[in-house]
Amino acid sequence: SDHRFCFDCVRQSFAMSIRERRFTNLKCLSCDFDMSGAEHMPFFKRILDEELFSRFEKWRTLDNANIVACRHPGCDSAAYLDEGDDIADLLCELQHQFCGNCEFGPHRDLTCEQAQEQKAQAEELERNREHKRALLTQGWKPCPKKCQAGGGFKQNEEDCDHMTCVCKHEFCWLCGVDRFVALAHDTRWHKPMCKYYTPREEVDEAPTYAKDCPACVAKGSVCDYPVDDGYPD
């Protein structure tokens, strides 16, 4: 049966579906009659503006299994599949790389599911980094052992720089070195960015094995100076 609708409503509904390339939504607003076939193109030519109709015509040609629409935002180009091409790593005519099956490409040697998981993990890692940066600006510092307790705050700037984490690890608040390593040796075992650090070239005495140093004991010989790792970043 004939169904009548507001012209502007029909135009807006179909235009939105076409811009988003949701061609399965091109159905009668009342009875879900499929209007995506070529026989209905005159109807779309009448209701769409010239630019959108031209794009729609081009996109419809992409129903060819060997032609894949570029997924790069705003790109109307396509990639043409040849035998042996990796659909997860395509290159359109405008040199955009993408996956023909998902929005997480290109991802050569990965399935779409693996690429999606990889992206989710990367986003979670970045959220954690942003959270850490925010905490650092508030005076928080992480436990150098990277324990489950995570770290903590100094009560005030006048507090001692000898800190003990909830996990019982003791360290220097300023540079993160193991307290017992520095105590067993001298202030050369702080890091260069620390106010307690003594430049190694200013001390004539060579480093020696210390039986009370956990790092020396673990190594079985005199331990190395702590790595200047940029703690707490």
Protein backbone atom coordinates (compact mmCIF):
# COMPACT_ATOMS: atom_id res chain seq x y z
CA SER A 1 0.00 0.00 0.00
CA ASP A 2 1.03 3.64 -0.45
CA HIS A 3 2.46 5.30 2.66
CA ARG A 4 2.70 9.05 2.92
CA PHE A 5 5.18 11.01 5.00
CA CYS A 6 6.45 14.50 5.57
CA PHE A 7 8.97 15.21 2.77
CA ASP A 8 11.53 16.83 5.09
CA CYS A 9 11.30 13.95 7.58
CA VAL A 10 11.89 11.35 4.86
CA ARG A 11 14.76 13.34 3.38
CA GLN A 12 16.46 13.82 6.76
CA SER A 13 16.05 10.18 7.74
CA PHE A 14 17.44 8.77 4.48
CA ALA A 15 20.17 11.42 4.24
CA MET A 16 21.42 10.52 7.72
CA SER A 17 21.50 6.80 6.92
CA ILE A 18 23.35 7.44 3.66
CA ARG A 19 25.93 9.77 5.23
CA GLU A 20 26.64 7.08 7.83
CA ARG A 21 26.66 4.41 5.10
CA ARG A 22 23.95 2.44 6.89
CA PHE A 23 22.33 1.30 3.67
CA THR A 24 20.39 -1.50 5.39
CA ASN A 25 18.36 1.31 6.98
CA LEU A 26 17.04 2.48 3.62
CA LYS A 27 13.54 1.17 4.21
CA CYS A 28 10.05 2.55 4.21
CA LEU A 29 9.52 4.37 7.48
CA SER A 30 6.25 2.52 7.97
CA CYS A 31 6.52 -1.03 6.62
CA ASP A 32 10.28 -1.65 6.36
CA PHE A 33 10.06 -2.16 2.59
CA ASP A 34 13.64 -2.36 1.25
CA MET A 35 14.50 0.71 -0.84
CA SER A 36 18.23 0.11 -1.32
CA GLY A 37 17.87 -1.40 -4.80
CA ALA A 38 18.88 0.33 -8.04
CA GLU A 39 15.23 0.74 -9.08
CA HIS A 40 14.76 3.28 -6.27
CA MET A 41 17.65 5.56 -7.28
CA PRO A 42 15.33 8.07 -9.04
CA PHE A 43 13.55 8.53 -5.70
CA PHE A 44 16.81 9.27 -3.91
CA LYS A 45 17.93 11.59 -6.69
CA ARG A 46 14.76 13.62 -6.08
CA ILE A 47 15.07 13.92 -2.29
CA LEU A 48 18.86 14.20 -1.82
CA ASP A 49 21.07 17.16 -2.61
CA GLU A 50 23.33 16.71 -5.63
CA GLU A 51 26.55 16.15 -3.66
CA LEU A 52 25.10 13.49 -1.36
CA PHE A 53 23.37 11.69 -4.22
CA SER A 54 26.65 11.59 -6.15
CA ARG A 55 28.40 10.07 -3.14
CA PHE A 56 25.56 7.59 -2.70
CA GLU A 57 25.90 6.45 -6.31
CA LYS A 58 29.62 5.92 -5.80
CA TRP A 59 29.15 4.03 -2.56
CA ARG A 60 26.61 1.70 -4.13
CA THR A 61 29.25 0.50 -6.57
CA LEU A 62 31.19 -0.74 -3.57
CA ASP A 63 28.80 -3.68 -3.32
CA ASN A 64 31.34 -5.31 -5.62
CA ALA A 65 33.25 -7.74 -3.41
CA ASN A 66 36.55 -6.54 -4.91
CA ILE A 67 35.90 -2.89 -4.04
CA VAL A 68 36.12 -1.85 -0.40
CA ALA A 69 35.10 1.57 0.93
CA CYS A 70 37.80 3.45 2.80
CA ARG A 71 37.08 3.71 6.52
CA HIS A 72 39.15 6.85 7.02
CA PRO A 73 36.85 9.60 8.40
CA GLY A 74 35.59 11.84 5.61
CA CYS A 75 37.14 9.78 2.80
CA ASP A 76 34.89 8.70 -0.09
CA SER A 77 37.60 6.73 -1.84
CA ALA A 78 38.02 2.96 -2.02
CA ALA A 79 40.57 0.18 -2.27
CA TYR A 80 40.51 -2.42 -5.03
CA LEU A 81 41.25 -5.94 -3.87
CA ASP A 82 43.63 -8.03 -5.92
CA GLU A 83 44.36 -11.68 -5.31
CA GLY A 84 46.63 -12.06 -2.31
CA ASP A 85 45.82 -8.65 -0.79
CA ASP A 86 45.40 -8.53 2.98
CA ILE A 87 41.97 -7.08 3.72
CA ALA A 88 43.23 -6.07 7.17
CA ASP A 89 45.82 -3.76 5.58
CA LEU A 90 44.36 -1.96 2.57
CA LEU A 91 45.36 1.31 0.90
CA CYS A 92 42.75 3.53 -0.72
CA GLU A 93 43.29 5.80 -3.71
CA LEU A 94 44.04 8.70 -1.31
CA GLN A 95 46.72 6.64 0.49
CA HIS A 96 44.74 5.96 3.68
CA GLN A 97 45.50 2.61 5.28
CA PHE A 98 42.59 0.70 6.81
CA CYS A 99 40.99 -2.68 7.44
CA GLY A 100 38.10 -3.60 5.18
CA ASN A 101 36.28 -5.47 7.93
CA CYS A 102 36.58 -3.26 11.01
CA GLU A 103 37.43 0.21 12.29
CA PHE A 104 40.62 -0.87 14.11
CA GLY A 105 42.90 -1.22 11.09
CA PRO A 106 45.26 -1.44 9.56
CA HIS A 107 46.31 -4.50 11.55
CA ARG A 108 48.40 -6.84 9.44
CA ASP A 109 48.94 -10.25 11.07
CA LEU A 110 46.17 -9.62 13.63
CA THR A 111 42.51 -10.60 13.56
CA CYS A 112 39.93 -7.83 13.94
CA GLU A 113 39.19 -9.12 17.44
CA GLN A 114 42.88 -9.01 18.38
CA ALA A 115 43.21 -5.49 16.96
CA GLN A 116 40.16 -4.37 18.95
CA GLU A 117 41.62 -5.86 22.14
CA GLN A 118 44.99 -4.25 21.43
CA LYS A 119 43.35 -0.86 20.99
CA ALA A 120 41.33 -1.31 24.19
CA GLN A 121 44.49 -2.17 26.10
CA ALA A 122 46.31 0.87 24.67
CA GLU A 123 43.43 3.14 25.66
CA GLU A 124 43.35 1.67 29.16
CA LEU A 125 47.12 2.18 29.47
CA GLU A 126 46.77 5.81 28.40
CA ARG A 127 43.93 6.36 30.89
CA ASN A 128 46.16 4.95 33.64
CA ARG A 129 49.00 7.24 32.58
CA GLU A 130 46.72 10.28 32.64
CA HIS A 131 45.47 9.28 36.10
CA LYS A 132 49.05 8.88 37.31
CA ARG A 133 50.04 12.27 35.91
CA ALA A 134 47.09 13.85 37.69
CA LEU A 135 48.08 12.20 40.97
CA LEU A 136 51.70 13.32 40.59
CA THR A 137 50.59 16.94 40.31
CA GLN A 138 48.81 16.48 43.65
CA GLY A 139 51.96 15.21 45.39
CA TRP A 140 51.39 11.45 45.07
CA LYS A 141 54.30 9.14 44.26
CA PRO A 142 54.34 5.45 43.32
CA CYS A 143 56.00 2.70 45.29
CA PRO A 144 59.28 1.85 43.47
CA LYS A 145 58.39 -1.84 43.85
CA LYS A 146 55.18 -1.23 41.86
CA CYS A 147 53.23 -3.10 44.51
CA GLN A 148 49.46 -3.45 44.71
CA ALA A 149 49.29 -0.68 47.29
CA GLY A 150 50.37 1.60 44.47
CA GLY A 151 52.01 4.41 46.41
CA GLY A 152 50.93 7.30 48.55
CA PHE A 153 51.13 10.93 49.59
CA LYS A 154 53.53 12.71 51.88
CA GLN A 155 51.69 14.33 54.78
CA ASN A 156 53.54 17.63 54.39
CA GLU A 157 56.77 18.98 52.93
CA GLU A 158 58.46 18.98 56.34
CA ASP A 159 58.12 15.21 56.75
CA CYS A 160 61.19 13.03 56.52
CA ASP A 161 62.11 11.77 53.04
CA HIS A 162 62.50 8.24 54.38
CA MET A 163 59.24 6.61 53.34
CA THR A 164 57.73 3.20 54.08
CA CYS A 165 55.04 1.89 51.74
CA VAL A 166 52.10 -0.19 52.92
CA CYS A 167 53.93 -3.16 51.38
CA LYS A 168 56.80 -2.44 53.86
CA HIS A 169 59.27 -1.37 51.18
CA GLU A 170 61.40 1.54 52.43
CA PHE A 171 62.69 4.11 49.97
CA CYS A 172 63.78 7.70 49.39
CA TRP A 173 60.77 9.90 48.68
CA LEU A 174 62.75 12.11 46.33
CA CYS A 175 64.43 9.58 44.03
CA GLY A 176 62.92 6.19 44.90
CA VAL A 177 66.13 4.34 45.81
CA ASP A 178 65.96 1.45 48.25
CA ARG A 179 66.72 2.94 51.67
CA PHE A 180 68.80 -0.02 52.79
CA VAL A 181 70.99 0.13 49.67
CA ALA A 182 71.81 3.80 50.27
CA LEU A 183 72.37 3.22 54.01
CA ALA A 184 74.75 0.32 53.37
CA HIS A 185 76.88 2.50 51.08
CA ASP A 186 76.75 6.29 50.91
CA THR A 187 74.91 9.10 49.15
CA ARG A 188 76.45 8.18 45.79
CA TRP A 189 73.69 5.55 45.72
CA HIS A 190 70.98 8.20 45.44
CA LYS A 191 70.04 9.31 41.95
CA PRO A 192 71.47 12.48 40.36
CA MET A 193 68.13 14.30 40.60
CA CYS A 194 68.02 13.78 44.39
CA LYS A 195 69.13 16.47 46.83
CA TYR A 196 70.97 13.81 48.84
CA TYR A 197 73.06 12.70 45.86
CA THR A 198 76.84 13.05 45.94
CA PRO A 199 78.49 13.15 42.51
CA ARG A 200 80.50 9.95 42.12
CA GLU A 201 83.52 11.73 40.70
CA GLU A 202 83.85 13.67 43.97
CA VAL A 203 84.54 10.52 45.98
CA ASP A 204 87.93 8.80 45.63
CA GLU A 205 86.89 5.62 47.42
CA ALA A 206 85.84 2.84 45.04
CA PRO A 207 82.51 1.10 45.61
CA THR A 208 82.81 -1.97 47.83
CA TYR A 209 80.66 -4.97 48.65
CA ALA A 210 78.38 -4.35 51.64
CA LYS A 211 76.93 -7.36 53.45
CA ASP A 212 74.00 -5.25 54.66
CA CYS A 213 73.10 -4.12 51.13
CA PRO A 214 70.23 -6.18 49.64
CA ALA A 215 71.42 -5.33 46.12
CA CYS A 216 74.97 -6.53 46.83
CA VAL A 217 73.66 -9.73 48.39
CA ALA A 218 71.34 -10.38 45.43
CA LYS A 219 74.16 -9.80 42.92
CA GLY A 220 76.83 -11.64 44.89
CA SER A 221 79.26 -8.75 44.42
CA VAL A 222 79.34 -4.99 44.76
CA CYS A 223 76.07 -3.65 43.38
CA ASP A 224 75.72 -1.10 40.61
CA TYR A 225 74.70 2.47 41.20
CA PRO A 226 70.91 2.96 40.86
CA VAL A 227 69.70 3.69 37.35
CA ASP A 228 68.55 7.29 36.88
CA ASP A 229 65.13 6.25 35.59
CA GLY A 230 63.34 9.57 36.01
CA TYR A 231 61.39 8.46 39.11
CA PRO A 232 58.53 9.04 39.74
CA ASP A 233 57.56 9.31 36.06
